[in-house]
Amino acid sequence: MKKVIEFLQQNPVQYLATVGRDGKAKCRPFMFVLAKDNKL
């Protein structure tokens, strides 16, 4: 978990690509916020 948190802190904005209900690609930015009790 420590390596994951370090990576997310070094790369604060990630993009999640999904396919919407309309069948079109969607790309949404998201950010890492908090790690507590070994959970994101």
N, C-alpha and C. Protein backbone atom coordinates (compact mmCIF):
# COMPACT_ATOMS: atom_id res chain seq x y z
N MET A 1 0.82 -1.19 0.00
CA MET A 1 0.00 0.00 0.00
C MET A 1 0.87 1.25 0.00
N LYS A 2 2.01 1.19 0.68
CA LYS A 2 2.89 2.36 0.76
C LYS A 2 3.34 2.80 -0.64
N LYS A 3 3.70 1.85 -1.50
CA LYS A 3 4.14 2.19 -2.86
C LYS A 3 3.00 2.80 -3.67
N VAL A 4 1.79 2.31 -3.47
CA VAL A 4 0.63 2.87 -4.18
C VAL A 4 0.40 4.31 -3.76
N ILE A 5 0.45 4.58 -2.46
CA ILE A 5 0.23 5.93 -1.95
C ILE A 5 1.32 6.88 -2.46
N GLU A 6 2.57 6.42 -2.45
CA GLU A 6 3.67 7.25 -2.97
C GLU A 6 3.45 7.59 -4.44
N PHE A 7 3.04 6.60 -5.22
CA PHE A 7 2.77 6.83 -6.64
C PHE A 7 1.66 7.86 -6.83
N LEU A 8 0.57 7.72 -6.08
CA LEU A 8 -0.56 8.64 -6.22
C LEU A 8 -0.19 10.05 -5.78
N GLN A 9 0.67 10.17 -4.78
CA GLN A 9 1.10 11.50 -4.34
C GLN A 9 1.98 12.17 -5.40
N GLN A 10 2.77 11.38 -6.11
CA GLN A 10 3.63 11.92 -7.17
C GLN A 10 2.85 12.23 -8.44
N ASN A 11 1.69 11.62 -8.61
CA ASN A 11 0.85 11.78 -9.80
C ASN A 11 -0.56 12.10 -9.35
N PRO A 12 -0.82 13.34 -8.92
CA PRO A 12 -2.07 13.65 -8.24
C PRO A 12 -3.35 13.53 -9.09
N VAL A 13 -3.26 13.69 -10.40
CA VAL A 13 -4.47 13.57 -11.22
C VAL A 13 -4.34 12.35 -12.12
N GLN A 14 -5.33 11.46 -12.03
CA GLN A 14 -5.39 10.30 -12.90
C GLN A 14 -6.66 10.42 -13.74
N TYR A 15 -6.74 9.63 -14.79
CA TYR A 15 -7.91 9.65 -15.65
C TYR A 15 -8.47 8.25 -15.76
N LEU A 16 -9.77 8.15 -15.60
CA LEU A 16 -10.45 6.87 -15.69
C LEU A 16 -11.30 6.87 -16.95
N ALA A 17 -11.01 5.92 -17.83
CA ALA A 17 -11.77 5.82 -19.08
C ALA A 17 -12.80 4.70 -18.95
N THR A 18 -14.05 5.02 -19.30
CA THR A 18 -15.13 4.04 -19.25
C THR A 18 -15.98 4.19 -20.51
N VAL A 19 -16.93 3.30 -20.66
CA VAL A 19 -17.90 3.41 -21.75
C VAL A 19 -19.24 3.74 -21.11
N GLY A 20 -19.85 4.83 -21.56
CA GLY A 20 -21.11 5.26 -21.00
C GLY A 20 -22.28 4.41 -21.47
N ARG A 21 -23.43 4.66 -20.92
CA ARG A 21 -24.64 3.92 -21.30
C ARG A 21 -25.00 4.13 -22.76
N ASP A 22 -24.55 5.27 -23.30
CA ASP A 22 -24.82 5.56 -24.70
C ASP A 22 -23.81 4.88 -25.63
N GLY A 23 -22.86 4.12 -25.05
CA GLY A 23 -21.88 3.41 -25.85
C GLY A 23 -20.66 4.24 -26.23
N LYS A 24 -20.63 5.49 -25.80
CA LYS A 24 -19.51 6.38 -26.12
C LYS A 24 -18.48 6.36 -24.99
N ALA A 25 -17.23 6.57 -25.37
CA ALA A 25 -16.15 6.61 -24.38
C ALA A 25 -16.26 7.85 -23.51
N LYS A 26 -15.98 7.69 -22.25
CA LYS A 26 -15.96 8.79 -21.30
C LYS A 26 -14.61 8.77 -20.61
N CYS A 27 -14.01 9.91 -20.43
CA CYS A 27 -12.73 10.02 -19.74
C CYS A 27 -12.89 11.05 -18.63
N ARG A 28 -12.77 10.59 -17.39
CA ARG A 28 -13.02 11.47 -16.26
C ARG A 28 -11.77 11.58 -15.39
N PRO A 29 -11.41 12.80 -15.01
CA PRO A 29 -10.28 12.95 -14.10
C PRO A 29 -10.71 12.66 -12.66
N PHE A 30 -9.81 12.12 -11.87
CA PHE A 30 -10.07 11.96 -10.45
C PHE A 30 -8.75 12.13 -9.70
N MET A 31 -8.85 12.37 -8.42
CA MET A 31 -7.66 12.62 -7.61
C MET A 31 -7.66 11.75 -6.36
N PHE A 32 -6.48 11.40 -5.93
CA PHE A 32 -6.27 10.69 -4.69
C PHE A 32 -6.49 11.67 -3.54
N VAL A 33 -7.24 11.27 -2.51
CA VAL A 33 -7.58 12.19 -1.44
C VAL A 33 -7.02 11.76 -0.08
N LEU A 34 -7.22 10.53 0.33
CA LEU A 34 -6.90 10.16 1.70
C LEU A 34 -6.57 8.66 1.82
N ALA A 35 -5.64 8.36 2.66
CA ALA A 35 -5.35 6.98 3.04
C ALA A 35 -5.48 6.89 4.56
N LYS A 36 -6.31 5.96 5.01
CA LYS A 36 -6.52 5.78 6.45
C LYS A 36 -6.74 4.30 6.73
N ASP A 37 -6.08 3.79 7.72
CA ASP A 37 -6.18 2.39 8.08
C ASP A 37 -5.90 1.46 6.90
N ASN A 38 -4.90 1.84 6.11
CA ASN A 38 -4.48 1.06 4.94
C ASN A 38 -5.55 0.95 3.86
N LYS A 39 -6.43 1.93 3.78
CA LYS A 39 -7.47 1.96 2.76
C LYS A 39 -7.43 3.32 2.06
N LEU A 40 -7.76 3.35 0.78
CA LEU A 40 -7.81 4.62 0.04
C LEU A 40 -9.18 5.23 0.18
